[in-house]
Amino acid sequence: MSRIGNKPVEIPAGVDVKQDGNVVTVKGPKGELTRIMADDITMSVDGNVVTFTRPNDDNKMRALHGTTRANFNNMVEGVTDGFGKNLELVGVGYRAQLKGKTLILNLGYSNPVEMETPEDLTVEVPDNTHIKVSGISKQHVGDFAAEVRAVRSPEPYKGKGVRYEGEYVRRKEGKTGK
């Protein structure tokens, strides 16, 4: 198993960490995140270093240890740098546009698909075939990007659809005539 839970998390300058029982709040220059951590994992703040300890070495406890540490590290990274996902639309006539807080996708369906963007995320459309999703919560950014991709995921024959930037779509050969 991974030993990621044993690595300490360094808190950069300008980031404030508050712990109230198992509720942890991290406040930084980009915003504030609050999360309920696992009851069994103890978090100790020592100056600008945070460490996590587990009560025993059960497999479930070891996995929870690493997950708790990774979630906290993502919170610290989110309030300092933020997270982002880039999507690209591949296909003839596939395009995106932003009207206010509504993302409008024309992806070959009879009607355009309209998606409301969540309050804590910023969605940009630099040109009509690229979408940038950014925010301070890694989970929310990934979830919204996955929802947009699921509207028309890439198909294996021509590679058309919404894909992450740099994503490789494995192509199939298709039918061969006699």
N, C-alpha and C. Protein backbone atom coordinates (compact mmCIF):
# COMPACT_ATOMS: atom_id res chain seq x y z
N MET A 1 0.83 -1.19 0.00
CA MET A 1 0.00 0.00 0.00
C MET A 1 0.87 1.25 0.00
N SER A 2 0.26 2.33 -0.31
CA SER A 2 0.96 3.60 -0.38
C SER A 2 1.28 4.12 1.02
N ARG A 3 2.33 4.87 1.10
CA ARG A 3 2.71 5.50 2.37
C ARG A 3 2.52 7.01 2.29
N ILE A 4 1.59 7.43 1.46
CA ILE A 4 1.37 8.86 1.24
C ILE A 4 0.85 9.55 2.50
N GLY A 5 0.15 8.81 3.35
CA GLY A 5 -0.40 9.40 4.57
C GLY A 5 0.67 9.84 5.55
N ASN A 6 1.88 9.26 5.47
CA ASN A 6 2.94 9.62 6.40
C ASN A 6 3.67 10.90 6.01
N LYS A 7 3.49 11.36 4.76
CA LYS A 7 4.18 12.57 4.32
C LYS A 7 3.53 13.79 4.96
N PRO A 8 4.33 14.70 5.51
CA PRO A 8 3.74 15.92 6.07
C PRO A 8 3.31 16.89 4.97
N VAL A 9 2.33 17.70 5.27
CA VAL A 9 1.85 18.72 4.35
C VAL A 9 2.35 20.07 4.84
N GLU A 10 3.08 20.78 3.98
CA GLU A 10 3.57 22.10 4.35
C GLU A 10 2.52 23.15 3.97
N ILE A 11 2.26 24.05 4.90
CA ILE A 11 1.29 25.10 4.67
C ILE A 11 2.04 26.35 4.22
N PRO A 12 1.75 26.85 3.00
CA PRO A 12 2.45 28.04 2.52
C PRO A 12 2.01 29.30 3.27
N ALA A 13 2.78 30.36 3.11
CA ALA A 13 2.44 31.63 3.77
C ALA A 13 1.14 32.16 3.19
N GLY A 14 0.30 32.73 4.03
CA GLY A 14 -0.97 33.28 3.58
C GLY A 14 -2.12 32.30 3.65
N VAL A 15 -1.86 31.08 4.12
CA VAL A 15 -2.91 30.07 4.24
C VAL A 15 -3.18 29.82 5.71
N ASP A 16 -4.44 29.84 6.09
CA ASP A 16 -4.85 29.67 7.48
C ASP A 16 -5.63 28.37 7.61
N VAL A 17 -5.25 27.52 8.58
CA VAL A 17 -5.90 26.23 8.81
C VAL A 17 -6.57 26.26 10.18
N LYS A 18 -7.86 25.92 10.22
CA LYS A 18 -8.60 25.84 11.48
C LYS A 18 -9.23 24.46 11.58
N GLN A 19 -9.16 23.89 12.78
CA GLN A 19 -9.72 22.57 13.01
C GLN A 19 -10.70 22.66 14.16
N ASP A 20 -11.95 22.19 13.92
CA ASP A 20 -12.97 22.16 14.96
C ASP A 20 -13.52 20.75 15.00
N GLY A 21 -12.94 19.92 15.86
CA GLY A 21 -13.31 18.51 15.88
C GLY A 21 -12.77 17.84 14.64
N ASN A 22 -13.68 17.28 13.82
CA ASN A 22 -13.23 16.67 12.56
C ASN A 22 -13.58 17.54 11.35
N VAL A 23 -13.98 18.80 11.58
CA VAL A 23 -14.25 19.75 10.51
C VAL A 23 -13.02 20.63 10.34
N VAL A 24 -12.45 20.62 9.12
CA VAL A 24 -11.24 21.38 8.83
C VAL A 24 -11.58 22.47 7.84
N THR A 25 -11.15 23.70 8.12
CA THR A 25 -11.35 24.83 7.24
C THR A 25 -10.00 25.37 6.83
N VAL A 26 -9.80 25.53 5.53
CA VAL A 26 -8.56 26.07 4.98
C VAL A 26 -8.92 27.35 4.24
N LYS A 27 -8.27 28.47 4.64
CA LYS A 27 -8.54 29.75 4.02
C LYS A 27 -7.26 30.27 3.40
N GLY A 28 -7.34 30.71 2.14
CA GLY A 28 -6.17 31.19 1.43
C GLY A 28 -6.51 32.36 0.53
N PRO A 29 -5.57 32.74 -0.33
CA PRO A 29 -5.80 33.91 -1.19
C PRO A 29 -6.91 33.71 -2.23
N LYS A 30 -7.18 32.49 -2.65
CA LYS A 30 -8.21 32.25 -3.67
C LYS A 30 -9.59 31.97 -3.08
N GLY A 31 -9.66 31.66 -1.79
CA GLY A 31 -10.96 31.37 -1.20
C GLY A 31 -10.84 30.52 0.04
N GLU A 32 -11.96 29.90 0.40
CA GLU A 32 -12.04 29.10 1.62
C GLU A 32 -12.73 27.78 1.33
N LEU A 33 -12.16 26.68 1.86
CA LEU A 33 -12.73 25.35 1.70
C LEU A 33 -12.93 24.72 3.07
N THR A 34 -14.04 24.02 3.24
CA THR A 34 -14.34 23.32 4.48
C THR A 34 -14.66 21.87 4.14
N ARG A 35 -14.14 20.96 4.95
CA ARG A 35 -14.35 19.54 4.70
C ARG A 35 -14.42 18.79 6.03
N ILE A 36 -15.25 17.75 6.07
CA ILE A 36 -15.33 16.89 7.24
C ILE A 36 -14.34 15.75 7.03
N MET A 37 -13.37 15.65 7.92
CA MET A 37 -12.35 14.61 7.82
C MET A 37 -12.80 13.38 8.61
N ALA A 38 -12.10 12.28 8.39
CA ALA A 38 -12.42 11.03 9.07
C ALA A 38 -12.21 11.16 10.58
N ASP A 39 -13.08 10.51 11.36
CA ASP A 39 -13.00 10.60 12.82
C ASP A 39 -11.74 9.94 13.37
N ASP A 40 -11.35 8.81 12.77
CA ASP A 40 -10.26 8.01 13.33
C ASP A 40 -8.88 8.59 13.08
N ILE A 41 -8.71 9.37 12.04
CA ILE A 41 -7.40 9.94 11.69
C ILE A 41 -7.22 11.24 12.47
N THR A 42 -6.10 11.35 13.18
CA THR A 42 -5.84 12.56 13.95
C THR A 42 -4.91 13.48 13.17
N MET A 43 -5.27 14.76 13.15
CA MET A 43 -4.51 15.77 12.44
C MET A 43 -3.82 16.65 13.47
N SER A 44 -2.51 16.88 13.28
CA SER A 44 -1.80 17.75 14.21
C SER A 44 -1.07 18.83 13.43
N VAL A 45 -1.31 20.09 13.83
CA VAL A 45 -0.68 21.24 13.19
C VAL A 45 0.49 21.66 14.05
N ASP A 46 1.68 21.70 13.46
CA ASP A 46 2.89 22.08 14.19
C ASP A 46 3.61 23.16 13.38
N GLY A 47 3.31 24.42 13.70
CA GLY A 47 3.89 25.52 12.93
C GLY A 47 3.23 25.58 11.56
N ASN A 48 4.04 25.40 10.50
CA ASN A 48 3.47 25.40 9.16
C ASN A 48 3.51 23.99 8.55
N VAL A 49 3.54 22.97 9.39
CA VAL A 49 3.55 21.58 8.93
C VAL A 49 2.37 20.84 9.57
N VAL A 50 1.61 20.12 8.74
CA VAL A 50 0.48 19.33 9.23
C VAL A 50 0.80 17.86 8.99
N THR A 51 0.62 17.03 10.03
CA THR A 51 0.83 15.60 9.90
C THR A 51 -0.44 14.86 10.30
N PHE A 52 -0.60 13.68 9.76
CA PHE A 52 -1.76 12.83 10.04
C PHE A 52 -1.28 11.50 10.59
N THR A 53 -1.96 11.00 11.63
CA THR A 53 -1.61 9.72 12.22
C THR A 53 -2.86 8.85 12.29
N ARG A 54 -2.64 7.52 12.20
CA ARG A 54 -3.74 6.56 12.24
C ARG A 54 -3.62 5.74 13.53
N PRO A 55 -4.73 5.23 14.05
CA PRO A 55 -4.67 4.49 15.31
C PRO A 55 -4.08 3.08 15.18
N ASN A 56 -4.24 2.43 14.02
CA ASN A 56 -3.72 1.08 13.85
C ASN A 56 -3.35 0.86 12.38
N ASP A 57 -2.86 -0.33 12.06
CA ASP A 57 -2.39 -0.62 10.72
C ASP A 57 -3.34 -1.51 9.92
N ASP A 58 -4.63 -1.45 10.19
CA ASP A 58 -5.59 -2.18 9.37
C ASP A 58 -5.53 -1.65 7.94
N ASN A 59 -5.88 -2.51 6.99
CA ASN A 59 -5.87 -2.07 5.59
C ASN A 59 -6.82 -0.90 5.36
N LYS A 60 -8.00 -0.97 5.95
CA LYS A 60 -8.97 0.11 5.77
C LYS A 60 -8.45 1.41 6.39
N MET A 61 -7.81 1.30 7.54
CA MET A 61 -7.29 2.49 8.21
C MET A 61 -6.12 3.10 7.43
N ARG A 62 -5.28 2.24 6.83
CA ARG A 62 -4.16 2.74 6.04
C ARG A 62 -4.66 3.48 4.80
N ALA A 63 -5.70 2.94 4.16
CA ALA A 63 -6.27 3.60 2.99
C ALA A 63 -6.91 4.93 3.37
N LEU A 64 -7.62 4.95 4.49
CA LEU A 64 -8.26 6.17 4.98
C LEU A 64 -7.22 7.21 5.35
N HIS A 65 -6.09 6.77 5.87
CA HIS A 65 -4.99 7.66 6.25
C HIS A 65 -4.47 8.41 5.02
N GLY A 66 -4.18 7.68 3.95
CA GLY A 66 -3.68 8.30 2.73
C GLY A 66 -4.71 9.19 2.06
N THR A 67 -5.96 8.77 2.08
CA THR A 67 -7.02 9.56 1.46
C THR A 67 -7.23 10.87 2.20
N THR A 68 -7.22 10.82 3.53
CA THR A 68 -7.41 12.02 4.33
C THR A 68 -6.29 13.02 4.08
N ARG A 69 -5.06 12.53 4.04
CA ARG A 69 -3.92 13.40 3.79
C ARG A 69 -3.99 14.01 2.39
N ALA A 70 -4.37 13.21 1.38
CA ALA A 70 -4.47 13.70 0.01
C ALA A 70 -5.57 14.74 -0.13
N ASN A 71 -6.71 14.52 0.53
CA ASN A 71 -7.80 15.50 0.48
C ASN A 71 -7.38 16.82 1.11
N PHE A 72 -6.68 16.76 2.24
CA PHE A 72 -6.21 17.99 2.88
C PHE A 72 -5.20 18.71 1.99
N ASN A 73 -4.28 17.95 1.39
CA ASN A 73 -3.29 18.56 0.50
C ASN A 73 -3.96 19.24 -0.69
N ASN A 74 -5.02 18.62 -1.22
CA ASN A 74 -5.76 19.23 -2.33
C ASN A 74 -6.46 20.51 -1.89
N MET A 75 -6.92 20.56 -0.64
CA MET A 75 -7.53 21.79 -0.14
C MET A 75 -6.50 22.91 -0.08
N VAL A 76 -5.31 22.61 0.44
CA VAL A 76 -4.26 23.63 0.55
C VAL A 76 -3.83 24.09 -0.84
N GLU A 77 -3.66 23.15 -1.76
CA GLU A 77 -3.26 23.51 -3.12
C GLU A 77 -4.35 24.31 -3.83
N GLY A 78 -5.61 23.99 -3.56
CA GLY A 78 -6.72 24.69 -4.20
C GLY A 78 -6.84 26.13 -3.79
N VAL A 79 -6.67 26.43 -2.49
CA VAL A 79 -6.81 27.81 -2.04
C VAL A 79 -5.58 28.65 -2.38
N THR A 80 -4.46 28.03 -2.75
CA THR A 80 -3.29 28.80 -3.15
C THR A 80 -3.19 28.93 -4.68
N ASP A 81 -3.27 27.82 -5.41
CA ASP A 81 -3.09 27.85 -6.86
C ASP A 81 -4.40 27.65 -7.63
N GLY A 82 -5.29 26.83 -7.12
CA GLY A 82 -6.52 26.49 -7.84
C GLY A 82 -6.28 25.31 -8.76
N PHE A 83 -7.36 24.79 -9.31
CA PHE A 83 -7.31 23.65 -10.22
C PHE A 83 -8.02 24.00 -11.51
N GLY A 84 -7.67 23.30 -12.58
CA GLY A 84 -8.31 23.56 -13.86
C GLY A 84 -8.32 22.34 -14.75
N LYS A 85 -9.31 22.27 -15.61
CA LYS A 85 -9.42 21.22 -16.63
C LYS A 85 -9.74 21.90 -17.94
N ASN A 86 -9.09 21.45 -19.00
CA ASN A 86 -9.36 21.97 -20.33
C ASN A 86 -10.02 20.89 -21.16
N LEU A 87 -11.08 21.26 -21.86
CA LEU A 87 -11.82 20.34 -22.71
C LEU A 87 -11.77 20.85 -24.14
N GLU A 88 -11.78 19.93 -25.09
CA GLU A 88 -11.83 20.34 -26.49
C GLU A 88 -12.95 19.57 -27.19
N LEU A 89 -13.60 20.24 -28.14
CA LEU A 89 -14.69 19.66 -28.91
C LEU A 89 -14.14 19.28 -30.27
N VAL A 90 -14.29 18.01 -30.64
CA VAL A 90 -13.80 17.51 -31.92
C VAL A 90 -14.99 17.01 -32.71
N GLY A 91 -15.21 17.58 -33.87
CA GLY A 91 -16.31 17.17 -34.73
C GLY A 91 -16.80 18.34 -35.56
N VAL A 92 -17.30 18.05 -36.72
CA VAL A 92 -17.79 19.10 -37.61
C VAL A 92 -19.05 19.71 -37.02
N GLY A 93 -19.05 21.02 -36.82
CA GLY A 93 -20.21 21.72 -36.29
C GLY A 93 -20.32 21.68 -34.78
N TYR A 94 -19.39 21.03 -34.08
CA TYR A 94 -19.43 21.00 -32.63
C TYR A 94 -18.86 22.31 -32.11
N ARG A 95 -19.63 23.00 -31.28
CA ARG A 95 -19.14 24.27 -30.75
C ARG A 95 -19.77 24.56 -29.39
N ALA A 96 -19.12 25.45 -28.67
CA ALA A 96 -19.59 25.83 -27.35
C ALA A 96 -19.64 27.35 -27.26
N GLN A 97 -20.53 27.85 -26.44
CA GLN A 97 -20.58 29.28 -26.16
C GLN A 97 -21.08 29.49 -24.75
N LEU A 98 -20.78 30.65 -24.20
CA LEU A 98 -21.15 30.97 -22.83
C LEU A 98 -22.07 32.18 -22.85
N LYS A 99 -23.26 32.04 -22.29
CA LYS A 99 -24.19 33.16 -22.15
C LYS A 99 -24.47 33.34 -20.68
N GLY A 100 -23.85 34.35 -20.09
CA GLY A 100 -23.98 34.57 -18.66
C GLY A 100 -23.33 33.42 -17.90
N LYS A 101 -24.10 32.71 -17.11
CA LYS A 101 -23.60 31.54 -16.37
C LYS A 101 -24.05 30.23 -17.01
N THR A 102 -24.54 30.29 -18.25
CA THR A 102 -25.02 29.10 -18.94
C THR A 102 -24.06 28.71 -20.05
N LEU A 103 -23.62 27.46 -20.03
CA LEU A 103 -22.77 26.92 -21.08
C LEU A 103 -23.67 26.23 -22.10
N ILE A 104 -23.59 26.68 -23.36
CA ILE A 104 -24.44 26.13 -24.41
C ILE A 104 -23.55 25.30 -25.34
N LEU A 105 -23.89 24.02 -25.50
CA LEU A 105 -23.12 23.10 -26.32
C LEU A 105 -23.94 22.65 -27.51
N ASN A 106 -23.40 22.83 -28.71
CA ASN A 106 -24.01 22.30 -29.93
C ASN A 106 -23.16 21.10 -30.34
N LEU A 107 -23.68 19.90 -30.10
CA LEU A 107 -22.90 18.69 -30.29
C LEU A 107 -23.58 17.68 -31.21
N GLY A 108 -24.32 18.17 -32.20
CA GLY A 108 -24.93 17.28 -33.16
C GLY A 108 -26.29 16.76 -32.76
N TYR A 109 -26.81 17.16 -31.63
CA TYR A 109 -28.16 16.79 -31.24
C TYR A 109 -29.14 17.75 -31.90
N SER A 110 -30.42 17.44 -31.89
CA SER A 110 -31.41 18.29 -32.53
C SER A 110 -31.53 19.64 -31.82
N ASN A 111 -31.30 19.67 -30.52
CA ASN A 111 -31.35 20.92 -29.76
C ASN A 111 -30.03 21.12 -29.02
N PRO A 112 -29.62 22.36 -28.81
CA PRO A 112 -28.40 22.59 -28.03
C PRO A 112 -28.59 22.16 -26.57
N VAL A 113 -27.50 21.73 -25.95
CA VAL A 113 -27.53 21.32 -24.55
C VAL A 113 -27.10 22.51 -23.71
N GLU A 114 -27.92 22.89 -22.74
CA GLU A 114 -27.61 24.02 -21.87
C GLU A 114 -27.28 23.50 -20.48
N MET A 115 -26.15 23.98 -19.95
CA MET A 115 -25.71 23.55 -18.62
C MET A 115 -25.43 24.78 -17.78
N GLU A 116 -26.01 24.82 -16.59
CA GLU A 116 -25.73 25.91 -15.65
C GLU A 116 -24.39 25.66 -14.98
N THR A 117 -23.54 26.67 -14.92
CA THR A 117 -22.25 26.49 -14.26
C THR A 117 -22.42 26.72 -12.76
N PRO A 118 -21.79 25.89 -11.93
CA PRO A 118 -21.89 26.06 -10.48
C PRO A 118 -21.28 27.39 -10.04
N GLU A 119 -21.71 27.85 -8.88
CA GLU A 119 -21.27 29.15 -8.36
C GLU A 119 -19.77 29.20 -8.06
N ASP A 120 -19.21 28.08 -7.59
CA ASP A 120 -17.81 28.10 -7.17
C ASP A 120 -16.83 27.85 -8.30
N LEU A 121 -17.31 27.68 -9.53
CA LEU A 121 -16.44 27.42 -10.67
C LEU A 121 -16.50 28.57 -11.66
N THR A 122 -15.39 28.76 -12.40
CA THR A 122 -15.40 29.70 -13.50
C THR A 122 -15.19 28.90 -14.78
N VAL A 123 -16.05 29.15 -15.75
CA VAL A 123 -16.00 28.46 -17.03
C VAL A 123 -15.71 29.52 -18.09
N GLU A 124 -14.69 29.25 -18.91
CA GLU A 124 -14.33 30.15 -19.99
C GLU A 124 -14.41 29.38 -21.31
N VAL A 125 -14.77 30.11 -22.37
CA VAL A 125 -14.78 29.55 -23.72
C VAL A 125 -13.90 30.46 -24.57
N PRO A 126 -12.57 30.17 -24.63
CA PRO A 126 -11.67 31.04 -25.39
C PRO A 126 -11.98 31.05 -26.89
N ASP A 127 -12.32 29.92 -27.46
CA ASP A 127 -12.86 29.86 -28.82
C ASP A 127 -13.94 28.79 -28.81
N ASN A 128 -14.67 28.65 -29.92
CA ASN A 128 -15.85 27.79 -29.85
C ASN A 128 -15.57 26.29 -29.86
N THR A 129 -14.31 25.86 -29.79
CA THR A 129 -14.03 24.43 -29.67
C THR A 129 -13.22 24.10 -28.41
N HIS A 130 -13.04 25.05 -27.51
CA HIS A 130 -12.30 24.79 -26.27
C HIS A 130 -13.07 25.35 -25.08
N ILE A 131 -13.02 24.62 -23.97
CA ILE A 131 -13.68 25.02 -22.73
C ILE A 131 -12.67 24.89 -21.60
N LYS A 132 -12.58 25.91 -20.74
CA LYS A 132 -11.70 25.87 -19.58
C LYS A 132 -12.56 25.95 -18.32
N VAL A 133 -12.40 24.95 -17.46
CA VAL A 133 -13.12 24.91 -16.19
C VAL A 133 -12.08 25.08 -15.09
N SER A 134 -12.29 26.03 -14.18
CA SER A 134 -11.32 26.24 -13.10
C SER A 134 -12.06 26.59 -11.81
N GLY A 135 -11.39 26.30 -10.69
CA GLY A 135 -11.96 26.57 -9.38
C GLY A 135 -10.99 26.15 -8.30
N ILE A 136 -11.41 26.28 -7.03
CA ILE A 136 -10.51 25.94 -5.93
C ILE A 136 -10.71 24.52 -5.42
N SER A 137 -11.84 23.90 -5.73
CA SER A 137 -12.10 22.53 -5.29
C SER A 137 -11.79 21.56 -6.42
N LYS A 138 -10.83 20.68 -6.22
CA LYS A 138 -10.45 19.71 -7.24
C LYS A 138 -11.62 18.80 -7.60
N GLN A 139 -12.40 18.44 -6.60
CA GLN A 139 -13.54 17.55 -6.82
C GLN A 139 -14.61 18.21 -7.68
N HIS A 140 -14.95 19.46 -7.39
CA HIS A 140 -15.98 20.15 -8.15
C HIS A 140 -15.55 20.41 -9.60
N VAL A 141 -14.27 20.77 -9.79
CA VAL A 141 -13.76 21.00 -11.15
C VAL A 141 -13.83 19.71 -11.96
N GLY A 142 -13.37 18.61 -11.37
CA GLY A 142 -13.38 17.33 -12.07
C GLY A 142 -14.79 16.83 -12.35
N ASP A 143 -15.70 17.02 -11.40
CA ASP A 143 -17.08 16.57 -11.59
C ASP A 143 -17.77 17.33 -12.72
N PHE A 144 -17.61 18.67 -12.75
CA PHE A 144 -18.27 19.45 -13.80
C PHE A 144 -17.66 19.15 -15.17
N ALA A 145 -16.34 19.00 -15.22
CA ALA A 145 -15.68 18.65 -16.50
C ALA A 145 -16.16 17.29 -16.98
N ALA A 146 -16.36 16.35 -16.07
CA ALA A 146 -16.86 15.02 -16.44
C ALA A 146 -18.30 15.09 -16.93
N GLU A 147 -19.12 15.98 -16.33
CA GLU A 147 -20.50 16.14 -16.79
C GLU A 147 -20.53 16.70 -18.21
N VAL A 148 -19.66 17.68 -18.49
CA VAL A 148 -19.61 18.26 -19.84
C VAL A 148 -19.15 17.19 -20.83
N ARG A 149 -18.15 16.41 -20.46
CA ARG A 149 -17.62 15.36 -21.35
C ARG A 149 -18.68 14.29 -21.60
N ALA A 150 -19.51 14.00 -20.59
CA ALA A 150 -20.51 12.94 -20.72
C ALA A 150 -21.66 13.31 -21.66
N VAL A 151 -21.81 14.60 -21.99
CA VAL A 151 -22.86 15.00 -22.92
C VAL A 151 -22.64 14.33 -24.27
N ARG A 152 -21.39 14.27 -24.73
CA ARG A 152 -21.05 13.55 -25.96
C ARG A 152 -19.61 13.08 -25.81
N SER A 153 -19.43 11.92 -25.19
CA SER A 153 -18.07 11.41 -24.99
C SER A 153 -17.50 10.95 -26.32
N PRO A 154 -16.18 10.93 -26.46
CA PRO A 154 -15.57 10.60 -27.74
C PRO A 154 -15.92 9.19 -28.19
N GLU A 155 -16.29 9.05 -29.46
CA GLU A 155 -16.61 7.74 -29.99
C GLU A 155 -15.38 7.16 -30.68
N PRO A 156 -15.25 5.84 -30.72
CA PRO A 156 -13.99 5.23 -31.14
C PRO A 156 -13.77 5.14 -32.65
N TYR A 157 -14.76 5.45 -33.48
CA TYR A 157 -14.61 5.26 -34.92
C TYR A 157 -14.05 6.50 -35.62
N LYS A 158 -14.58 7.66 -35.31
CA LYS A 158 -14.06 8.90 -35.90
C LYS A 158 -13.41 9.80 -34.86
N GLY A 159 -13.58 9.50 -33.59
CA GLY A 159 -12.97 10.30 -32.53
C GLY A 159 -13.73 11.57 -32.22
N LYS A 160 -14.98 11.67 -32.68
CA LYS A 160 -15.77 12.87 -32.45
C LYS A 160 -16.32 12.88 -31.03
N GLY A 161 -16.42 14.08 -30.45
CA GLY A 161 -17.01 14.24 -29.14
C GLY A 161 -16.24 15.25 -28.30
N VAL A 162 -16.57 15.28 -27.03
CA VAL A 162 -15.90 16.18 -26.08
C VAL A 162 -14.84 15.36 -25.37
N ARG A 163 -13.60 15.85 -25.37
CA ARG A 163 -12.52 15.14 -24.71
C ARG A 163 -11.68 16.10 -23.90
N TYR A 164 -10.96 15.53 -22.94
CA TYR A 164 -10.01 16.34 -22.18
C TYR A 164 -8.85 16.71 -23.10
N GLU A 165 -8.22 17.84 -22.84
CA GLU A 165 -7.09 18.26 -23.65
C GLU A 165 -5.95 17.27 -23.47
N GLY A 166 -5.45 16.74 -24.58
CA GLY A 166 -4.37 15.77 -24.53
C GLY A 166 -4.83 14.34 -24.35
N GLU A 167 -6.14 14.10 -24.26
CA GLU A 167 -6.65 12.74 -24.08
C GLU A 167 -6.50 11.95 -25.37
N TYR A 168 -6.04 10.74 -25.26
CA TYR A 168 -5.88 9.86 -26.41
C TYR A 168 -7.14 9.01 -26.54
N VAL A 169 -7.74 9.04 -27.72
CA VAL A 169 -8.93 8.23 -27.98
C VAL A 169 -8.51 7.06 -28.85
N ARG A 170 -8.66 5.87 -28.32
CA ARG A 170 -8.28 4.67 -29.07
C ARG A 170 -9.28 4.45 -30.20
N ARG A 171 -8.77 4.35 -31.39
CA ARG A 171 -9.61 4.27 -32.57
C ARG A 171 -9.81 2.82 -33.01
N LYS A 172 -11.02 2.52 -33.50
CA LYS A 172 -11.32 1.21 -34.04
C LYS A 172 -11.29 1.27 -35.56
N GLU A 173 -11.12 0.13 -36.18
CA GLU A 173 -10.98 0.10 -37.64
C GLU A 173 -12.30 0.30 -38.36
N GLY A 174 -13.38 -0.24 -37.87
CA GLY A 174 -14.66 -0.13 -38.55
C GLY A 174 -14.88 -1.30 -39.50
N LYS A 175 -16.00 -1.28 -40.19
CA LYS A 175 -16.36 -2.37 -41.09
C LYS A 175 -15.53 -2.31 -42.37
N THR A 176 -15.30 -3.47 -42.93
CA THR A 176 -14.64 -3.54 -44.24
C THR A 176 -15.60 -4.21 -45.21
N GLY A 177 -15.73 -3.63 -46.37
CA GLY A 177 -16.63 -4.21 -47.38
C GLY A 177 -15.94 -5.37 -48.10
N LYS A 178 -16.71 -6.21 -48.74
CA LYS A 178 -16.11 -7.36 -49.45
C LYS A 178 -15.45 -6.97 -50.70
